[in-house]
Structure formats: structure tokens, C-alpha cells
Amino acid sequence: MPYVNKPRPYKKEYQQQVARGESDERLERQRARENIDKKNPDRDKDGRADVREGKDVAHRMALSKGGSNKNGVRLESASVNRSFKRGSNHKVVSEVSTRERKKK
């Protein structure tokens, strides 16, 4: 529901995210994108590396499963990166996508 009669409490929302531990994973994802942008050229000057255009930065081990940037990252299309089975809390249940399960 939008805030019509009062301003949105950004500070409170941020504190709730920190309390839930969401900010750590968000920062980890941001660092992964920044590292790729630093290592690769940006010829069209839109703020992201040309190799990252239309791609997602995927962690080899999902952050929700205890992964980090140290475990490695790779570039994948959005449909491949977002196709993992998820639970009711929207976290990854299985790191094997539906597409990969059908191959076996």
C-alpha cells in the first residue's frame, strides 16, 4: 500500500533489513557486480561493463546457502539465474535448476 498521507519511513525499512540480515547479501551482490565492472571495459558508458549487458551475476554457491564472492561468480542470462526452485520464504531450495533436473 502506498504512503499517501505520510512520507515513506526509509530509515525504519533499512533498520528492519539490517535486523533480518538482508543488507549483508545485498552488499555481497553489489561487490560482485562492481568487480566485474572494474575488470571489463564499458564502451557505451552506461555504468556497467559491456559483458554484463543483459546478464545477471550469479554466485556459484547461492548466498542464501552460505556462498560468497570467494566461492566464485559467473555471468548468466536472467532466465537461467532465476530458475531455481524456491521455498515459501523466496530463498533457494535447490541449486539445481528445473532445466538441469530434466537433463538427468
PDB file of N, CA and C in Angstrom:
ATOM      1  N   MET A   1       0.851  -1.178   0.000  1.00  0.00           N
ATOM      2  CA  MET A   1       0.000   0.000   0.000  1.00  0.00           C
ATOM      3  C   MET A   1       0.893   1.235   0.000  1.00  0.00           C
ATOM      4  N   PRO A   2       0.641   2.181  -0.899  1.00  0.00           N
ATOM      5  CA  PRO A   2       1.497   3.354  -0.970  1.00  0.00           C
ATOM      6  C   PRO A   2       1.265   4.303   0.204  1.00  0.00           C
ATOM      7  N   TYR A   3       2.287   5.061   0.497  1.00  0.00           N
ATOM      8  CA  TYR A   3       2.195   6.058   1.554  1.00  0.00           C
ATOM      9  C   TYR A   3       1.583   7.313   0.957  1.00  0.00           C
ATOM     10  N   VAL A   4       0.312   7.586   1.303  1.00  0.00           N
ATOM     11  CA  VAL A   4      -0.395   8.724   0.724  1.00  0.00           C
ATOM     12  C   VAL A   4      -0.329   9.929   1.656  1.00  0.00           C
ATOM     13  N   ASN A   5      -0.567   9.713   2.915  1.00  0.00           N
ATOM     14  CA  ASN A   5      -0.674  10.828   3.855  1.00  0.00           C
ATOM     15  C   ASN A   5       0.593  11.090   4.652  1.00  0.00           C
ATOM     16  N   LYS A   6       1.594  10.247   4.493  1.00  0.00           N
ATOM     17  CA  LYS A   6       2.822  10.445   5.256  1.00  0.00           C
ATOM     18  C   LYS A   6       4.008   9.967   4.417  1.00  0.00           C
ATOM     19  N   PRO A   7       5.185  10.488   4.702  1.00  0.00           N
ATOM     20  CA  PRO A   7       6.363  10.065   3.914  1.00  0.00           C
ATOM     21  C   PRO A   7       6.775   8.631   4.260  1.00  0.00           C
ATOM     22  N   ARG A   8       7.399   7.976   3.302  1.00  0.00           N
ATOM     23  CA  ARG A   8       7.829   6.597   3.485  1.00  0.00           C
ATOM     24  C   ARG A   8       8.985   6.543   4.489  1.00  0.00           C
ATOM     25  N   PRO A   9       8.934   5.642   5.473  1.00  0.00           N
ATOM     26  CA  PRO A   9       9.979   5.570   6.511  1.00  0.00           C
ATOM     27  C   PRO A   9      11.208   4.767   6.040  1.00  0.00           C
ATOM     28  N   TYR A  10      12.018   5.366   5.182  1.00  0.00           N
ATOM     29  CA  TYR A  10      13.172   4.664   4.627  1.00  0.00           C
ATOM     30  C   TYR A  10      14.136   4.197   5.717  1.00  0.00           C
ATOM     31  N   LYS A  11      14.356   5.040   6.708  1.00  0.00           N
ATOM     32  CA  LYS A  11      15.290   4.698   7.782  1.00  0.00           C
ATOM     33  C   LYS A  11      14.819   3.451   8.540  1.00  0.00           C
ATOM     34  N   LYS A  12      13.531   3.394   8.839  1.00  0.00           N
ATOM     35  CA  LYS A  12      12.955   2.252   9.544  1.00  0.00           C
ATOM     36  C   LYS A  12      13.047   0.986   8.689  1.00  0.00           C
ATOM     37  N   GLU A  13      12.751   1.111   7.394  1.00  0.00           N
ATOM     38  CA  GLU A  13      12.836  -0.033   6.492  1.00  0.00           C
ATOM     39  C   GLU A  13      14.258  -0.564   6.421  1.00  0.00           C
ATOM     40  N   TYR A  14      15.235   0.348   6.368  1.00  0.00           N
ATOM     41  CA  TYR A  14      16.634  -0.068   6.311  1.00  0.00           C
ATOM     42  C   TYR A  14      17.026  -0.799   7.594  1.00  0.00           C
ATOM     43  N   GLN A  15      16.598  -0.284   8.749  1.00  0.00           N
ATOM     44  CA  GLN A  15      16.921  -0.932  10.022  1.00  0.00           C
ATOM     45  C   GLN A  15      16.306  -2.327  10.099  1.00  0.00           C
ATOM     46  N   GLN A  16      15.111  -2.495   9.545  1.00  0.00           N
ATOM     47  CA  GLN A  16      14.474  -3.808   9.533  1.00  0.00           C
ATOM     48  C   GLN A  16      15.251  -4.774   8.626  1.00  0.00           C
ATOM     49  N   GLN A  17      15.741  -4.270   7.493  1.00  0.00           N
ATOM     50  CA  GLN A  17      16.539  -5.108   6.596  1.00  0.00           C
ATOM     51  C   GLN A  17      17.825  -5.555   7.273  1.00  0.00           C
ATOM     52  N   VAL A  18      18.467  -4.646   7.994  1.00  0.00           N
ATOM     53  CA  VAL A  18      19.704  -4.986   8.699  1.00  0.00           C
ATOM     54  C   VAL A  18      19.421  -6.026   9.776  1.00  0.00           C
ATOM     55  N   ALA A  19      18.318  -5.863  10.500  1.00  0.00           N
ATOM     56  CA  ALA A  19      17.957  -6.811  11.555  1.00  0.00           C
ATOM     57  C   ALA A  19      17.694  -8.202  10.981  1.00  0.00           C
ATOM     58  N   ARG A  20      17.143  -8.274   9.771  1.00  0.00           N
ATOM     59  CA  ARG A  20      16.873  -9.558   9.129  1.00  0.00           C
ATOM     60  C   ARG A  20      18.110 -10.126   8.445  1.00  0.00           C
ATOM     61  N   GLY A  21      19.170  -9.324   8.330  1.00  0.00           N
ATOM     62  CA  GLY A  21      20.397  -9.798   7.691  1.00  0.00           C
ATOM     63  C   GLY A  21      20.381  -9.672   6.177  1.00  0.00           C
ATOM     64  N   GLU A  22      19.439  -8.917   5.624  1.00  0.00           N
ATOM     65  CA  GLU A  22      19.342  -8.777   4.175  1.00  0.00           C
ATOM     66  C   GLU A  22      20.444  -7.900   3.605  1.00  0.00           C
ATOM     67  N   SER A  23      20.918  -6.940   4.383  1.00  0.00           N
ATOM     68  CA  SER A  23      21.885  -5.989   3.838  1.00  0.00           C
ATOM     69  C   SER A  23      23.219  -6.663   3.517  1.00  0.00           C
ATOM     70  N   ASP A  24      23.591  -7.709   4.264  1.00  0.00           N
ATOM     71  CA  ASP A  24      24.856  -8.391   4.009  1.00  0.00           C
ATOM     72  C   ASP A  24      24.860  -9.038   2.623  1.00  0.00           C
ATOM     73  N   GLU A  25      23.780  -9.720   2.288  1.00  0.00           N
ATOM     74  CA  GLU A  25      23.700 -10.372   0.985  1.00  0.00           C
ATOM     75  C   GLU A  25      23.618  -9.342  -0.133  1.00  0.00           C
ATOM     76  N   ARG A  26      22.903  -8.242   0.093  1.00  0.00           N
ATOM     77  CA  ARG A  26      22.791  -7.193  -0.916  1.00  0.00           C
ATOM     78  C   ARG A  26      24.158  -6.589  -1.201  1.00  0.00           C
ATOM     79  N   LEU A  27      24.922  -6.329  -0.145  1.00  0.00           N
ATOM     80  CA  LEU A  27      26.260  -5.772  -0.319  1.00  0.00           C
ATOM     81  C   LEU A  27      27.185  -6.752  -1.039  1.00  0.00           C
ATOM     82  N   GLU A  28      27.033  -8.024  -0.758  1.00  0.00           N
ATOM     83  CA  GLU A  28      27.839  -9.053  -1.418  1.00  0.00           C
ATOM     84  C   GLU A  28      27.534  -9.075  -2.917  1.00  0.00           C
ATOM     85  N   ARG A  29      26.249  -8.961  -3.267  1.00  0.00           N
ATOM     86  CA  ARG A  29      25.862  -8.921  -4.683  1.00  0.00           C
ATOM     87  C   ARG A  29      26.402  -7.664  -5.356  1.00  0.00           C
ATOM     88  N   GLN A  30      26.328  -6.527  -4.664  1.00  0.00           N
ATOM     89  CA  GLN A  30      26.845  -5.278  -5.231  1.00  0.00           C
ATOM     90  C   GLN A  30      28.349  -5.367  -5.473  1.00  0.00           C
ATOM     91  N   ARG A  31      29.087  -5.952  -4.532  1.00  0.00           N
ATOM     92  CA  ARG A  31      30.537  -6.090  -4.691  1.00  0.00           C
ATOM     93  C   ARG A  31      30.875  -6.972  -5.892  1.00  0.00           C
ATOM     94  N   ALA A  32      30.098  -8.030  -6.090  1.00  0.00           N
ATOM     95  CA  ALA A  32      30.339  -8.923  -7.230  1.00  0.00           C
ATOM     96  C   ALA A  32      30.142  -8.179  -8.543  1.00  0.00           C
ATOM     97  N   ARG A  33      29.080  -7.375  -8.642  1.00  0.00           N
ATOM     98  CA  ARG A  33      28.846  -6.596  -9.862  1.00  0.00           C
ATOM     99  C   ARG A  33      29.945  -5.567 -10.073  1.00  0.00           C
ATOM    100  N   GLU A  34      30.372  -4.897  -8.995  1.00  0.00           N
ATOM    101  CA  GLU A  34      31.434  -3.892  -9.099  1.00  0.00           C
ATOM    102  C   GLU A  34      32.737  -4.513  -9.580  1.00  0.00           C
ATOM    103  N   ASN A  35      33.081  -5.699  -9.081  1.00  0.00           N
ATOM    104  CA  ASN A  35      34.315  -6.365  -9.500  1.00  0.00           C
ATOM    105  C   ASN A  35      34.298  -6.679 -10.990  1.00  0.00           C
ATOM    106  N   ILE A  36      33.178  -7.144 -11.500  1.00  0.00           N
ATOM    107  CA  ILE A  36      33.078  -7.437 -12.930  1.00  0.00           C
ATOM    108  C   ILE A  36      33.175  -6.153 -13.737  1.00  0.00           C
ATOM    109  N   ASP A  37      32.534  -5.086 -13.252  1.00  0.00           N
ATOM    110  CA  ASP A  37      32.590  -3.813 -13.962  1.00  0.00           C
ATOM    111  C   ASP A  37      34.007  -3.231 -13.981  1.00  0.00           C
ATOM    112  N   LYS A  38      34.779  -3.449 -12.915  1.00  0.00           N
ATOM    113  CA  LYS A  38      36.155  -2.947 -12.866  1.00  0.00           C
ATOM    114  C   LYS A  38      37.067  -3.677 -13.848  1.00  0.00           C
ATOM    115  N   LYS A  39      36.840  -4.977 -14.005  1.00  0.00           N
ATOM    116  CA  LYS A  39      37.738  -5.808 -14.806  1.00  0.00           C
ATOM    117  C   LYS A  39      37.451  -5.726 -16.302  1.00  0.00           C
ATOM    118  N   ASN A  40      36.270  -5.268 -16.703  1.00  0.00           N
ATOM    119  CA  ASN A  40      35.872  -5.284 -18.102  1.00  0.00           C
ATOM    120  C   ASN A  40      35.541  -3.871 -18.575  1.00  0.00           C
ATOM    121  N   PRO A  41      35.746  -3.594 -19.875  1.00  0.00           N
ATOM    122  CA  PRO A  41      35.505  -2.239 -20.392  1.00  0.00           C
ATOM    123  C   PRO A  41      34.023  -1.897 -20.509  1.00  0.00           C
ATOM    124  N   ASP A  42      33.752  -0.593 -20.442  1.00  0.00           N
ATOM    125  CA  ASP A  42      32.400  -0.059 -20.607  1.00  0.00           C
ATOM    126  C   ASP A  42      32.445   0.946 -21.750  1.00  0.00           C
ATOM    127  N   ARG A  43      32.320   0.460 -22.977  1.00  0.00           N
ATOM    128  CA  ARG A  43      32.485   1.322 -24.149  1.00  0.00           C
ATOM    129  C   ARG A  43      31.292   2.247 -24.381  1.00  0.00           C
ATOM    130  N   ASP A  44      30.097   1.823 -24.010  1.00  0.00           N
ATOM    131  CA  ASP A  44      28.932   2.679 -24.240  1.00  0.00           C
ATOM    132  C   ASP A  44      28.628   3.600 -23.060  1.00  0.00           C
ATOM    133  N   LYS A  45      29.445   3.571 -22.027  1.00  0.00           N
ATOM    134  CA  LYS A  45      29.387   4.489 -20.876  1.00  0.00           C
ATOM    135  C   LYS A  45      28.022   4.530 -20.192  1.00  0.00           C
ATOM    136  N   ASP A  46      27.419   3.367 -20.002  1.00  0.00           N
ATOM    137  CA  ASP A  46      26.133   3.328 -19.305  1.00  0.00           C
ATOM    138  C   ASP A  46      26.270   2.880 -17.851  1.00  0.00           C
ATOM    139  N   GLY A  47      27.493   2.713 -17.389  1.00  0.00           N
ATOM    140  CA  GLY A  47      27.714   2.387 -15.986  1.00  0.00           C
ATOM    141  C   GLY A  47      27.920   0.921 -15.685  1.00  0.00           C
ATOM    142  N   ARG A  48      27.791   0.050 -16.682  1.00  0.00           N
ATOM    143  CA  ARG A  48      28.047  -1.371 -16.458  1.00  0.00           C
ATOM    144  C   ARG A  48      28.905  -1.903 -17.600  1.00  0.00           C
ATOM    145  N   ALA A  49      29.702  -2.901 -17.289  1.00  0.00           N
ATOM    146  CA  ALA A  49      30.607  -3.480 -18.279  1.00  0.00           C
ATOM    147  C   ALA A  49      29.807  -4.067 -19.432  1.00  0.00           C
ATOM    148  N   ASP A  50      30.379  -4.004 -20.628  1.00  0.00           N
ATOM    149  CA  ASP A  50      29.676  -4.498 -21.810  1.00  0.00           C
ATOM    150  C   ASP A  50      29.380  -5.989 -21.720  1.00  0.00           C
ATOM    151  N   VAL A  51      30.242  -6.768 -21.057  1.00  0.00           N
ATOM    152  CA  VAL A  51      29.989  -8.213 -20.931  1.00  0.00           C
ATOM    153  C   VAL A  51      28.794  -8.491 -20.016  1.00  0.00           C
ATOM    154  N   ARG A  52      28.428  -7.518 -19.196  1.00  0.00           N
ATOM    155  CA  ARG A  52      27.338  -7.686 -18.238  1.00  0.00           C
ATOM    156  C   ARG A  52      25.992  -7.210 -18.789  1.00  0.00           C
ATOM    157  N   GLU A  53      25.970  -6.657 -19.987  1.00  0.00           N
ATOM    158  CA  GLU A  53      24.730  -6.162 -20.584  1.00  0.00           C
ATOM    159  C   GLU A  53      23.721  -7.300 -20.727  1.00  0.00           C
ATOM    160  N   GLY A  54      22.559  -7.178 -20.093  1.00  0.00           N
ATOM    161  CA  GLY A  54      21.515  -8.184 -20.205  1.00  0.00           C
ATOM    162  C   GLY A  54      21.795  -9.472 -19.464  1.00  0.00           C
ATOM    163  N   LYS A  55      22.797  -9.489 -18.602  1.00  0.00           N
ATOM    164  CA  LYS A  55      23.165 -10.701 -17.863  1.00  0.00           C
ATOM    165  C   LYS A  55      23.046 -10.456 -16.366  1.00  0.00           C
ATOM    166  N   ASP A  56      22.947 -11.537 -15.625  1.00  0.00           N
ATOM    167  CA  ASP A  56      22.963 -11.493 -14.162  1.00  0.00           C
ATOM    168  C   ASP A  56      24.309 -12.010 -13.676  1.00  0.00           C
ATOM    169  N   VAL A  57      24.754 -11.488 -12.546  1.00  0.00           N
ATOM    170  CA  VAL A  57      25.945 -12.020 -11.894  1.00  0.00           C
ATOM    171  C   VAL A  57      25.462 -13.107 -10.940  1.00  0.00           C
ATOM    172  N   ALA A  58      25.834 -14.345 -11.232  1.00  0.00           N
ATOM    173  CA  ALA A  58      25.366 -15.489 -10.457  1.00  0.00           C
ATOM    174  C   ALA A  58      26.491 -16.018  -9.578  1.00  0.00           C
ATOM    175  N   HIS A  59      26.185 -16.279  -8.339  1.00  0.00           N
ATOM    176  CA  HIS A  59      27.160 -16.884  -7.439  1.00  0.00           C
ATOM    177  C   HIS A  59      27.145 -18.395  -7.632  1.00  0.00           C
ATOM    178  N   ARG A  60      28.313 -19.004  -7.647  1.00  0.00           N
ATOM    179  CA  ARG A  60      28.393 -20.458  -7.850  1.00  0.00           C
ATOM    180  C   ARG A  60      27.671 -21.190  -6.727  1.00  0.00           C
ATOM    181  N   MET A  61      27.799 -20.691  -5.508  1.00  0.00           N
ATOM    182  CA  MET A  61      27.001 -21.200  -4.386  1.00  0.00           C
ATOM    183  C   MET A  61      26.114 -20.053  -3.929  1.00  0.00           C
ATOM    184  N   ALA A  62      24.823 -20.256  -3.899  1.00  0.00           N
ATOM    185  CA  ALA A  62      23.870 -19.199  -3.562  1.00  0.00           C
ATOM    186  C   ALA A  62      24.201 -18.566  -2.217  1.00  0.00           C
ATOM    187  N   LEU A  63      24.010 -17.243  -2.137  1.00  0.00           N
ATOM    188  CA  LEU A  63      24.284 -16.543  -0.888  1.00  0.00           C
ATOM    189  C   LEU A  63      23.395 -17.070   0.232  1.00  0.00           C
ATOM    190  N   SER A  64      22.167 -17.448  -0.087  1.00  0.00           N
ATOM    191  CA  SER A  64      21.261 -17.964   0.941  1.00  0.00           C
ATOM    192  C   SER A  64      21.698 -19.342   1.436  1.00  0.00           C
ATOM    193  N   LYS A  65      22.572 -20.006   0.686  1.00  0.00           N
ATOM    194  CA  LYS A  65      23.098 -21.314   1.086  1.00  0.00           C
ATOM    195  C   LYS A  65      24.492 -21.201   1.697  1.00  0.00           C
ATOM    196  N   GLY A  66      24.907 -19.973   2.016  1.00  0.00           N
ATOM    197  CA  GLY A  66      26.200 -19.788   2.667  1.00  0.00           C
ATOM    198  C   GLY A  66      27.331 -19.433   1.715  1.00  0.00           C
ATOM    199  N   GLY A  67      27.030 -19.147   0.471  1.00  0.00           N
ATOM    200  CA  GLY A  67      28.056 -18.796  -0.506  1.00  0.00           C
ATOM    201  C   GLY A  67      28.543 -17.367  -0.323  1.00  0.00           C
ATOM    202  N   SER A  68      29.607 -17.028  -1.049  1.00  0.00           N
ATOM    203  CA  SER A  68      30.135 -15.670  -1.028  1.00  0.00           C
ATOM    204  C   SER A  68      30.849 -15.421  -2.350  1.00  0.00           C
ATOM    205  N   ASN A  69      31.393 -14.221  -2.498  1.00  0.00           N
ATOM    206  CA  ASN A  69      32.127 -13.908  -3.720  1.00  0.00           C
ATOM    207  C   ASN A  69      33.402 -14.741  -3.826  1.00  0.00           C
ATOM    208  N   LYS A  70      33.919 -15.194  -2.702  1.00  0.00           N
ATOM    209  CA  LYS A  70      35.136 -16.016  -2.708  1.00  0.00           C
ATOM    210  C   LYS A  70      34.894 -17.362  -3.378  1.00  0.00           C
ATOM    211  N   ASN A  71      33.665 -17.859  -3.316  1.00  0.00           N
ATOM    212  CA  ASN A  71      33.327 -19.133  -3.948  1.00  0.00           C
ATOM    213  C   ASN A  71      33.242 -19.015  -5.457  1.00  0.00           C
ATOM    214  N   GLY A  72      33.186 -17.791  -5.959  1.00  0.00           N
ATOM    215  CA  GLY A  72      33.165 -17.567  -7.396  1.00  0.00           C
ATOM    216  C   GLY A  72      31.834 -17.055  -7.897  1.00  0.00           C
ATOM    217  N   VAL A  73      31.924 -16.269  -8.953  1.00  0.00           N
ATOM    218  CA  VAL A  73      30.732 -15.749  -9.613  1.00  0.00           C
ATOM    219  C   VAL A  73      30.872 -15.989 -11.106  1.00  0.00           C
ATOM    220  N   ARG A  74      29.743 -15.967 -11.803  1.00  0.00           N
ATOM    221  CA  ARG A  74      29.762 -16.118 -13.252  1.00  0.00           C
ATOM    222  C   ARG A  74      28.609 -15.304 -13.824  1.00  0.00           C
ATOM    223  N   LEU A  75      28.682 -15.010 -15.098  1.00  0.00           N
ATOM    224  CA  LEU A  75      27.624 -14.286 -15.782  1.00  0.00           C
ATOM    225  C   LEU A  75      26.670 -15.277 -16.415  1.00  0.00           C
ATOM    226  N   GLU A  76      25.381 -15.085 -16.172  1.00  0.00           N
ATOM    227  CA  GLU A  76      24.357 -15.950 -16.736  1.00  0.00           C
ATOM    228  C   GLU A  76      23.197 -15.089 -17.204  1.00  0.00           C
ATOM    229  N   SER A  77      22.426 -15.610 -18.131  1.00  0.00           N
ATOM    230  CA  SER A  77      21.217 -14.892 -18.524  1.00  0.00           C
ATOM    231  C   SER A  77      20.248 -14.911 -17.347  1.00  0.00           C
ATOM    232  N   ALA A  78      19.349 -13.952 -17.329  1.00  0.00           N
ATOM    233  CA  ALA A  78      18.413 -13.833 -16.218  1.00  0.00           C
ATOM    234  C   ALA A  78      17.533 -15.075 -16.096  1.00  0.00           C
ATOM    235  N   SER A  79      17.118 -15.645 -17.221  1.00  0.00           N
ATOM    236  CA  SER A  79      16.221 -16.805 -17.152  1.00  0.00           C
ATOM    237  C   SER A  79      16.915 -18.008 -16.526  1.00  0.00           C
ATOM    238  N   VAL A  80      18.207 -18.155 -16.748  1.00  0.00           N
ATOM    239  CA  VAL A  80      18.942 -19.275 -16.162  1.00  0.00           C
ATOM    240  C   VAL A  80      19.209 -19.014 -14.678  1.00  0.00           C
ATOM    241  N   ASN A  81      19.595 -17.795 -14.344  1.00  0.00           N
ATOM    242  CA  ASN A  81      19.961 -17.467 -12.972  1.00  0.00           C
ATOM    243  C   ASN A  81      18.755 -17.474 -12.030  1.00  0.00           C
ATOM    244  N   ARG A  82      17.584 -17.179 -12.537  1.00  0.00           N
ATOM    245  CA  ARG A  82      16.405 -17.046 -11.674  1.00  0.00           C
ATOM    246  C   ARG A  82      15.479 -18.253 -11.730  1.00  0.00           C
ATOM    247  N   SER A  83      15.960 -19.386 -12.244  1.00  0.00           N
ATOM    248  CA  SER A  83      15.078 -20.530 -12.435  1.00  0.00           C
ATOM    249  C   SER A  83      15.211 -21.592 -11.352  1.00  0.00           C
ATOM    250  N   PHE A  84      15.801 -21.265 -10.221  1.00  0.00           N
ATOM    251  CA  PHE A  84      15.961 -22.242  -9.158  1.00  0.00           C
ATOM    252  C   PHE A  84      14.669 -22.418  -8.372  1.00  0.00           C
ATOM    253  N   LYS A  85      14.478 -23.606  -7.850  1.00  0.00           N
ATOM    254  CA  LYS A  85      13.306 -23.884  -7.029  1.00  0.00           C
ATOM    255  C   LYS A  85      13.433 -23.104  -5.723  1.00  0.00           C
ATOM    256  N   ARG A  86      12.354 -22.429  -5.329  1.00  0.00           N
ATOM    257  CA  ARG A  86      12.381 -21.588  -4.135  1.00  0.00           C
ATOM    258  C   ARG A  86      11.283 -22.012  -3.172  1.00  0.00           C
ATOM    259  N   GLY A  87      11.527 -21.765  -1.878  1.00  0.00           N
ATOM    260  CA  GLY A  87      10.553 -22.094  -0.846  1.00  0.00           C
ATOM    261  C   GLY A  87       9.589 -20.949  -0.613  1.00  0.00           C
ATOM    262  N   SER A  88       8.740 -21.079   0.391  1.00  0.00           N
ATOM    263  CA  SER A  88       7.742 -20.053   0.676  1.00  0.00           C
ATOM    264  C   SER A  88       8.381 -18.750   1.151  1.00  0.00           C
ATOM    265  N   ASN A  89       9.623 -18.816   1.633  1.00  0.00           N
ATOM    266  CA  ASN A  89      10.324 -17.606   2.066  1.00  0.00           C
ATOM    267  C   ASN A  89      11.141 -16.994   0.928  1.00  0.00           C
ATOM    268  N   HIS A  90      10.960 -17.490  -0.300  1.00  0.00           N
ATOM    269  CA  HIS A  90      11.601 -16.994  -1.522  1.00  0.00           C
ATOM    270  C   HIS A  90      13.098 -17.268  -1.575  1.00  0.00           C
ATOM    271  N   LYS A  91      13.599 -18.105  -0.705  1.00  0.00           N
ATOM    272  CA  LYS A  91      15.017 -18.479  -0.731  1.00  0.00           C
ATOM    273  C   LYS A  91      15.196 -19.733  -1.582  1.00  0.00           C
ATOM    274  N   VAL A  92      16.394 -19.921  -2.081  1.00  0.00           N
ATOM    275  CA  VAL A  92      16.679 -21.060  -2.948  1.00  0.00           C
ATOM    276  C   VAL A  92      16.559 -22.355  -2.152  1.00  0.00           C
ATOM    277  N   VAL A  93      15.787 -23.309  -2.671  1.00  0.00           N
ATOM    278  CA  VAL A  93      15.647 -24.619  -2.047  1.00  0.00           C
ATOM    279  C   VAL A  93      16.668 -25.565  -2.661  1.00  0.00           C
ATOM    280  N   SER A  94      16.766 -25.537  -3.986  1.00  0.00           N
ATOM    281  CA  SER A  94      17.683 -26.412  -4.690  1.00  0.00           C
ATOM    282  C   SER A  94      18.520 -25.591  -5.651  1.00  0.00           C
ATOM    283  N   GLU A  95      19.821 -25.855  -5.680  1.00  0.00           N
ATOM    284  CA  GLU A  95      20.698 -25.123  -6.589  1.00  0.00           C
ATOM    285  C   GLU A  95      20.756 -25.760  -7.967  1.00  0.00           C
ATOM    286  N   VAL A  96      19.958 -26.778  -8.179  1.00  0.00           N
ATOM    287  CA  VAL A  96      19.869 -27.394  -9.493  1.00  0.00           C
ATOM    288  C   VAL A  96      18.577 -26.881 -10.126  1.00  0.00           C
ATOM    289  N   SER A  97      18.694 -26.217 -11.264  1.00  0.00           N
ATOM    290  CA  SER A  97      17.516 -25.647 -11.899  1.00  0.00           C
ATOM    291  C   SER A  97      16.625 -26.744 -12.465  1.00  0.00           C
ATOM    292  N   THR A  98      15.399 -26.397 -12.743  1.00  0.00           N
ATOM    293  CA  THR A  98      14.437 -27.343 -13.302  1.00  0.00           C
ATOM    294  C   THR A  98      14.951 -27.876 -14.631  1.00  0.00           C
ATOM    295  N   ARG A  99      15.563 -26.989 -15.405  1.00  0.00           N
ATOM    296  CA  ARG A  99      16.099 -27.371 -16.699  1.00  0.00           C
ATOM    297  C   ARG A  99      17.186 -28.440 -16.555  1.00  0.00           C
ATOM    298  N   GLU A 100      18.060 -28.263 -15.569  1.00  0.00           N
ATOM    299  CA  GLU A 100      19.151 -29.229 -15.341  1.00  0.00           C
ATOM    300  C   GLU A 100      18.616 -30.555 -14.810  1.00  0.00           C
ATOM    301  N   ARG A 101      17.551 -30.503 -13.987  1.00  0.00           N
ATOM    302  CA  ARG A 101      16.961 -31.717 -13.447  1.00  0.00           C
ATOM    303  C   ARG A 101      16.381 -32.574 -14.558  1.00  0.00           C
ATOM    304  N   LYS A 102      15.802 -31.944 -15.576  1.00  0.00           N
ATOM    305  CA  LYS A 102      15.205 -32.684 -16.679  1.00  0.00           C
ATOM    306  C   LYS A 102      16.257 -33.366 -17.541  1.00  0.00           C
ATOM    307  N   LYS A 103      17.459 -32.787 -17.579  1.00  0.00           N
ATOM    308  CA  LYS A 103      18.553 -33.373 -18.393  1.00  0.00           C
ATOM    309  C   LYS A 103      18.997 -34.709 -17.838  1.00  0.00           C
ATOM    310  N   LYS A 104      18.914 -34.899 -16.534  1.00  0.00           N
ATOM    311  CA  LYS A 104      19.442 -36.109 -15.885  1.00  0.00           C
ATOM    312  C   LYS A 104      18.560 -37.292 -16.040  1.00  0.00           C
TER     313      LYS A 104
END
